[in-house]
Amino acid sequence: MYRLNVSHSKFAFRDAVIVLIAFTVLFAGVMPFITKAGRNEVFAASAAYSAVLVVFISNFSVTDK
């Protein structure tokens, strides 16, 4: 995320959101295989994980140069 933040490109925020989605999907895809969690628990854990990532992205600012 640091590299996306300092790149100052106009697509930096879009790229950060794409990274957020990719890691959330990866997390949700791996979670059932490494735990005995059911569908409901995987959904809840993925929602919580993405909420934490959104908090980090909310501090993301892009300055046009």
PDB file of N, CA and C in Angstrom:
ATOM      1  N   MET A   1       0.826  -1.177   0.000  1.00  0.00           N
ATOM      2  CA  MET A   1       0.000   0.000   0.000  1.00  0.00           C
ATOM      3  C   MET A   1       0.876   1.249   0.000  1.00  0.00           C
ATOM      4  N   TYR A   2       2.051   1.174   0.601  1.00  0.00           N
ATOM      5  CA  TYR A   2       2.931   2.340   0.615  1.00  0.00           C
ATOM      6  C   TYR A   2       3.291   2.749  -0.803  1.00  0.00           C
ATOM      7  N   ARG A   3       3.595   1.778  -1.632  1.00  0.00           N
ATOM      8  CA  ARG A   3       3.970   2.079  -3.003  1.00  0.00           C
ATOM      9  C   ARG A   3       2.811   2.722  -3.753  1.00  0.00           C
ATOM     10  N   LEU A   4       1.598   2.267  -3.503  1.00  0.00           N
ATOM     11  CA  LEU A   4       0.437   2.881  -4.144  1.00  0.00           C
ATOM     12  C   LEU A   4       0.224   4.295  -3.644  1.00  0.00           C
ATOM     13  N   ASN A   5       0.514   4.544  -2.388  1.00  0.00           N
ATOM     14  CA  ASN A   5       0.284   5.851  -1.793  1.00  0.00           C
ATOM     15  C   ASN A   5       1.283   6.890  -2.294  1.00  0.00           C
ATOM     16  N   VAL A   6       2.506   6.499  -2.530  1.00  0.00           N
ATOM     17  CA  VAL A   6       3.516   7.462  -2.937  1.00  0.00           C
ATOM     18  C   VAL A   6       3.659   7.569  -4.448  1.00  0.00           C
ATOM     19  N   SER A   7       2.883   6.805  -5.199  1.00  0.00           N
ATOM     20  CA  SER A   7       3.039   6.825  -6.650  1.00  0.00           C
ATOM     21  C   SER A   7       2.485   8.090  -7.284  1.00  0.00           C
ATOM     22  N   HIS A   8       1.515   8.744  -6.622  1.00  0.00           N
ATOM     23  CA  HIS A   8       0.915   9.986  -7.101  1.00  0.00           C
ATOM     24  C   HIS A   8       0.296   9.850  -8.490  1.00  0.00           C
ATOM     25  N   SER A   9      -0.131   8.657  -8.864  1.00  0.00           N
ATOM     26  CA  SER A   9      -0.813   8.519 -10.136  1.00  0.00           C
ATOM     27  C   SER A   9      -2.305   8.703  -9.919  1.00  0.00           C
ATOM     28  N   LYS A  10      -3.006   9.048 -10.984  1.00  0.00           N
ATOM     29  CA  LYS A  10      -4.441   9.268 -10.836  1.00  0.00           C
ATOM     30  C   LYS A  10      -5.202   7.960 -10.651  1.00  0.00           C
ATOM     31  N   PHE A  11      -4.544   6.838 -10.877  1.00  0.00           N
ATOM     32  CA  PHE A  11      -5.178   5.541 -10.697  1.00  0.00           C
ATOM     33  C   PHE A  11      -4.786   4.883  -9.375  1.00  0.00           C
ATOM     34  N   ALA A  12      -4.093   5.586  -8.503  1.00  0.00           N
ATOM     35  CA  ALA A  12      -3.592   4.994  -7.264  1.00  0.00           C
ATOM     36  C   ALA A  12      -4.738   4.538  -6.363  1.00  0.00           C
ATOM     37  N   PHE A  13      -5.794   5.328  -6.236  1.00  0.00           N
ATOM     38  CA  PHE A  13      -6.909   4.935  -5.382  1.00  0.00           C
ATOM     39  C   PHE A  13      -7.619   3.710  -5.955  1.00  0.00           C
ATOM     40  N   ARG A  14      -7.814   3.687  -7.262  1.00  0.00           N
ATOM     41  CA  ARG A  14      -8.435   2.526  -7.906  1.00  0.00           C
ATOM     42  C   ARG A  14      -7.587   1.280  -7.688  1.00  0.00           C
ATOM     43  N   ASP A  15      -6.301   1.410  -7.821  1.00  0.00           N
ATOM     44  CA  ASP A  15      -5.401   0.279  -7.600  1.00  0.00           C
ATOM     45  C   ASP A  15      -5.455  -0.207  -6.158  1.00  0.00           C
ATOM     46  N   ALA A  16      -5.581   0.722  -5.209  1.00  0.00           N
ATOM     47  CA  ALA A  16      -5.686   0.342  -3.803  1.00  0.00           C
ATOM     48  C   ALA A  16      -6.974  -0.434  -3.544  1.00  0.00           C
ATOM     49  N   VAL A  17      -8.058  -0.034  -4.170  1.00  0.00           N
ATOM     50  CA  VAL A  17      -9.328  -0.753  -4.012  1.00  0.00           C
ATOM     51  C   VAL A  17      -9.241  -2.140  -4.643  1.00  0.00           C
ATOM     52  N   ILE A  18      -8.567  -2.239  -5.768  1.00  0.00           N
ATOM     53  CA  ILE A  18      -8.383  -3.550  -6.413  1.00  0.00           C
ATOM     54  C   ILE A  18      -7.556  -4.471  -5.516  1.00  0.00           C
ATOM     55  N   VAL A  19      -6.525  -3.944  -4.873  1.00  0.00           N
ATOM     56  CA  VAL A  19      -5.716  -4.736  -3.942  1.00  0.00           C
ATOM     57  C   VAL A  19      -6.568  -5.181  -2.758  1.00  0.00           C
ATOM     58  N   LEU A  20      -7.411  -4.280  -2.247  1.00  0.00           N
ATOM     59  CA  LEU A  20      -8.309  -4.616  -1.139  1.00  0.00           C
ATOM     60  C   LEU A  20      -9.240  -5.762  -1.519  1.00  0.00           C
ATOM     61  N   ILE A  21      -9.844  -5.685  -2.682  1.00  0.00           N
ATOM     62  CA  ILE A  21     -10.757  -6.742  -3.137  1.00  0.00           C
ATOM     63  C   ILE A  21     -10.006  -8.057  -3.328  1.00  0.00           C
ATOM     64  N   ALA A  22      -8.821  -7.984  -3.913  1.00  0.00           N
ATOM     65  CA  ALA A  22      -8.050  -9.206  -4.160  1.00  0.00           C
ATOM     66  C   ALA A  22      -7.679  -9.911  -2.858  1.00  0.00           C
ATOM     67  N   PHE A  23      -7.227  -9.150  -1.864  1.00  0.00           N
ATOM     68  CA  PHE A  23      -6.849  -9.768  -0.600  1.00  0.00           C
ATOM     69  C   PHE A  23      -8.060 -10.279   0.172  1.00  0.00           C
ATOM     70  N   THR A  24      -9.194  -9.615   0.036  1.00  0.00           N
ATOM     71  CA  THR A  24     -10.405 -10.103   0.698  1.00  0.00           C
ATOM     72  C   THR A  24     -10.870 -11.411   0.067  1.00  0.00           C
ATOM     73  N   VAL A  25     -10.843 -11.488  -1.251  1.00  0.00           N
ATOM     74  CA  VAL A  25     -11.221 -12.735  -1.935  1.00  0.00           C
ATOM     75  C   VAL A  25     -10.236 -13.848  -1.600  1.00  0.00           C
ATOM     76  N   LEU A  26      -8.952 -13.520  -1.560  1.00  0.00           N
ATOM     77  CA  LEU A  26      -7.942 -14.515  -1.188  1.00  0.00           C
ATOM     78  C   LEU A  26      -8.167 -15.010   0.238  1.00  0.00           C
ATOM     79  N   PHE A  27      -8.438 -14.094   1.149  1.00  0.00           N
ATOM     80  CA  PHE A  27      -8.705 -14.446   2.542  1.00  0.00           C
ATOM     81  C   PHE A  27      -9.922 -15.359   2.647  1.00  0.00           C
ATOM     82  N   ALA A  28     -11.004 -14.985   1.942  1.00  0.00           N
ATOM     83  CA  ALA A  28     -12.228 -15.790   1.990  1.00  0.00           C
ATOM     84  C   ALA A  28     -12.038 -17.150   1.320  1.00  0.00           C
ATOM     85  N   GLY A  29     -11.176 -17.218   0.338  1.00  0.00           N
ATOM     86  CA  GLY A  29     -10.937 -18.483  -0.349  1.00  0.00           C
ATOM     87  C   GLY A  29     -10.065 -19.445   0.439  1.00  0.00           C
ATOM     88  N   VAL A  30      -9.136 -18.923   1.207  1.00  0.00           N
ATOM     89  CA  VAL A  30      -8.202 -19.760   1.962  1.00  0.00           C
ATOM     90  C   VAL A  30      -8.769 -20.166   3.319  1.00  0.00           C
ATOM     91  N   MET A  31      -9.593 -19.315   3.883  1.00  0.00           N
ATOM     92  CA  MET A  31     -10.107 -19.527   5.239  1.00  0.00           C
ATOM     93  C   MET A  31     -10.769 -20.903   5.456  1.00  0.00           C
ATOM     94  N   PRO A  32     -11.626 -21.383   4.563  1.00  0.00           N
ATOM     95  CA  PRO A  32     -12.253 -22.691   4.824  1.00  0.00           C
ATOM     96  C   PRO A  32     -11.268 -23.861   4.818  1.00  0.00           C
ATOM     97  N   PHE A  33     -10.152 -23.697   4.127  1.00  0.00           N
ATOM     98  CA  PHE A  33      -9.196 -24.791   4.030  1.00  0.00           C
ATOM     99  C   PHE A  33      -8.257 -24.875   5.228  1.00  0.00           C
ATOM    100  N   ILE A  34      -8.023 -23.756   5.892  1.00  0.00           N
ATOM    101  CA  ILE A  34      -7.100 -23.786   7.023  1.00  0.00           C
ATOM    102  C   ILE A  34      -7.820 -23.816   8.363  1.00  0.00           C
ATOM    103  N   THR A  35      -9.141 -23.666   8.339  1.00  0.00           N
ATOM    104  CA  THR A  35      -9.936 -23.752   9.564  1.00  0.00           C
ATOM    105  C   THR A  35     -11.116 -24.683   9.326  1.00  0.00           C
ATOM    106  N   LYS A  36     -11.842 -24.964  10.378  1.00  0.00           N
ATOM    107  CA  LYS A  36     -13.054 -25.765  10.251  1.00  0.00           C
ATOM    108  C   LYS A  36     -14.291 -24.867  10.236  1.00  0.00           C
ATOM    109  N   ALA A  37     -14.118 -23.647   9.789  1.00  0.00           N
ATOM    110  CA  ALA A  37     -15.208 -22.673   9.785  1.00  0.00           C
ATOM    111  C   ALA A  37     -16.226 -23.003   8.702  1.00  0.00           C
ATOM    112  N   GLY A  38     -17.474 -22.775   9.050  1.00  0.00           N
ATOM    113  CA  GLY A  38     -18.549 -22.955   8.085  1.00  0.00           C
ATOM    114  C   GLY A  38     -18.727 -21.711   7.229  1.00  0.00           C
ATOM    115  N   ARG A  39     -19.722 -21.756   6.374  1.00  0.00           N
ATOM    116  CA  ARG A  39     -19.972 -20.654   5.453  1.00  0.00           C
ATOM    117  C   ARG A  39     -20.277 -19.350   6.192  1.00  0.00           C
ATOM    118  N   ASN A  40     -21.065 -19.441   7.270  1.00  0.00           N
ATOM    119  CA  ASN A  40     -21.421 -18.239   8.027  1.00  0.00           C
ATOM    120  C   ASN A  40     -20.203 -17.603   8.682  1.00  0.00           C
ATOM    121  N   GLU A  41     -19.337 -18.426   9.249  1.00  0.00           N
ATOM    122  CA  GLU A  41     -18.149 -17.897   9.900  1.00  0.00           C
ATOM    123  C   GLU A  41     -17.178 -17.288   8.900  1.00  0.00           C
ATOM    124  N   VAL A  42     -17.039 -17.913   7.743  1.00  0.00           N
ATOM    125  CA  VAL A  42     -16.165 -17.365   6.703  1.00  0.00           C
ATOM    126  C   VAL A  42     -16.702 -16.025   6.217  1.00  0.00           C
ATOM    127  N   PHE A  43     -18.013 -15.940   6.048  1.00  0.00           N
ATOM    128  CA  PHE A  43     -18.617 -14.676   5.621  1.00  0.00           C
ATOM    129  C   PHE A  43     -18.387 -13.584   6.663  1.00  0.00           C
ATOM    130  N   ALA A  44     -18.603 -13.907   7.932  1.00  0.00           N
ATOM    131  CA  ALA A  44     -18.422 -12.922   9.001  1.00  0.00           C
ATOM    132  C   ALA A  44     -16.960 -12.495   9.115  1.00  0.00           C
ATOM    133  N   ALA A  45     -16.048 -13.438   9.029  1.00  0.00           N
ATOM    134  CA  ALA A  45     -14.627 -13.105   9.121  1.00  0.00           C
ATOM    135  C   ALA A  45     -14.178 -12.266   7.925  1.00  0.00           C
ATOM    136  N   SER A  46     -14.681 -12.575   6.749  1.00  0.00           N
ATOM    137  CA  SER A  46     -14.337 -11.794   5.557  1.00  0.00           C
ATOM    138  C   SER A  46     -14.892 -10.384   5.642  1.00  0.00           C
ATOM    139  N   ALA A  47     -16.091 -10.240   6.174  1.00  0.00           N
ATOM    140  CA  ALA A  47     -16.678  -8.909   6.341  1.00  0.00           C
ATOM    141  C   ALA A  47     -15.869  -8.090   7.341  1.00  0.00           C
ATOM    142  N   ALA A  48     -15.457  -8.709   8.426  1.00  0.00           N
ATOM    143  CA  ALA A  48     -14.650  -8.002   9.425  1.00  0.00           C
ATOM    144  C   ALA A  48     -13.282  -7.630   8.846  1.00  0.00           C
ATOM    145  N   TYR A  49     -12.679  -8.545   8.123  1.00  0.00           N
ATOM    146  CA  TYR A  49     -11.364  -8.287   7.517  1.00  0.00           C
ATOM    147  C   TYR A  49     -11.448  -7.146   6.507  1.00  0.00           C
ATOM    148  N   SER A  50     -12.476  -7.164   5.660  1.00  0.00           N
ATOM    149  CA  SER A  50     -12.605  -6.087   4.684  1.00  0.00           C
ATOM    150  C   SER A  50     -12.926  -4.754   5.357  1.00  0.00           C
ATOM    151  N   ALA A  51     -13.649  -4.776   6.479  1.00  0.00           N
ATOM    152  CA  ALA A  51     -13.918  -3.535   7.214  1.00  0.00           C
ATOM    153  C   ALA A  51     -12.627  -2.926   7.743  1.00  0.00           C
ATOM    154  N   VAL A  52     -11.734  -3.761   8.235  1.00  0.00           N
ATOM    155  CA  VAL A  52     -10.443  -3.262   8.712  1.00  0.00           C
ATOM    156  C   VAL A  52      -9.643  -2.679   7.554  1.00  0.00           C
ATOM    157  N   LEU A  53      -9.648  -3.345   6.410  1.00  0.00           N
ATOM    158  CA  LEU A  53      -8.923  -2.828   5.253  1.00  0.00           C
ATOM    159  C   LEU A  53      -9.513  -1.509   4.765  1.00  0.00           C
ATOM    160  N   VAL A  54     -10.826  -1.376   4.820  1.00  0.00           N
ATOM    161  CA  VAL A  54     -11.471  -0.127   4.409  1.00  0.00           C
ATOM    162  C   VAL A  54     -11.061   1.022   5.321  1.00  0.00           C
ATOM    163  N   VAL A  55     -10.892   0.742   6.604  1.00  0.00           N
ATOM    164  CA  VAL A  55     -10.427   1.790   7.514  1.00  0.00           C
ATOM    165  C   VAL A  55      -9.034   2.263   7.105  1.00  0.00           C
ATOM    166  N   PHE A  56      -8.172   1.338   6.727  1.00  0.00           N
ATOM    167  CA  PHE A  56      -6.842   1.739   6.276  1.00  0.00           C
ATOM    168  C   PHE A  56      -6.915   2.530   4.974  1.00  0.00           C
ATOM    169  N   ILE A  57      -7.791   2.140   4.071  1.00  0.00           N
ATOM    170  CA  ILE A  57      -7.909   2.837   2.787  1.00  0.00           C
ATOM    171  C   ILE A  57      -8.575   4.198   2.953  1.00  0.00           C
ATOM    172  N   SER A  58      -9.389   4.375   3.985  1.00  0.00           N
ATOM    173  CA  SER A  58     -10.061   5.668   4.166  1.00  0.00           C
ATOM    174  C   SER A  58      -9.065   6.780   4.452  1.00  0.00           C
ATOM    175  N   ASN A  59      -7.887   6.447   4.921  1.00  0.00           N
ATOM    176  CA  ASN A  59      -6.841   7.445   5.142  1.00  0.00           C
ATOM    177  C   ASN A  59      -5.975   7.670   3.916  1.00  0.00           C
ATOM    178  N   PHE A  60      -6.348   7.040   2.833  1.00  0.00           N
ATOM    179  CA  PHE A  60      -5.594   7.093   1.588  1.00  0.00           C
ATOM    180  C   PHE A  60      -5.970   8.363   0.827  1.00  0.00           C
ATOM    181  N   SER A  61      -5.007   9.181   0.532  1.00  0.00           N
ATOM    182  CA  SER A  61      -5.292  10.405  -0.221  1.00  0.00           C
ATOM    183  C   SER A  61      -4.369  10.495  -1.415  1.00  0.00           C
ATOM    184  N   VAL A  62      -4.909  10.974  -2.521  1.00  0.00           N
ATOM    185  CA  VAL A  62      -4.149  11.118  -3.752  1.00  0.00           C
ATOM    186  C   VAL A  62      -4.079  12.600  -4.062  1.00  0.00           C
ATOM    187  N   THR A  63      -2.890  13.083  -4.251  1.00  0.00           N
ATOM    188  CA  THR A  63      -2.712  14.476  -4.646  1.00  0.00           C
ATOM    189  C   THR A  63      -2.337  14.530  -6.108  1.00  0.00           C
ATOM    190  N   ASP A  64      -3.023  15.354  -6.862  1.00  0.00           N
ATOM    191  CA  ASP A  64      -2.715  15.502  -8.283  1.00  0.00           C
ATOM    192  C   ASP A  64      -1.535  16.432  -8.455  1.00  0.00           C
ATOM    193  N   LYS A  65      -0.605  15.979  -9.274  1.00  0.00           N
ATOM    194  CA  LYS A  65       0.571  16.814  -9.557  1.00  0.00           C
ATOM    195  C   LYS A  65       0.657  17.063 -11.018  1.00  0.00           C
TER     196      LYS A  65
END
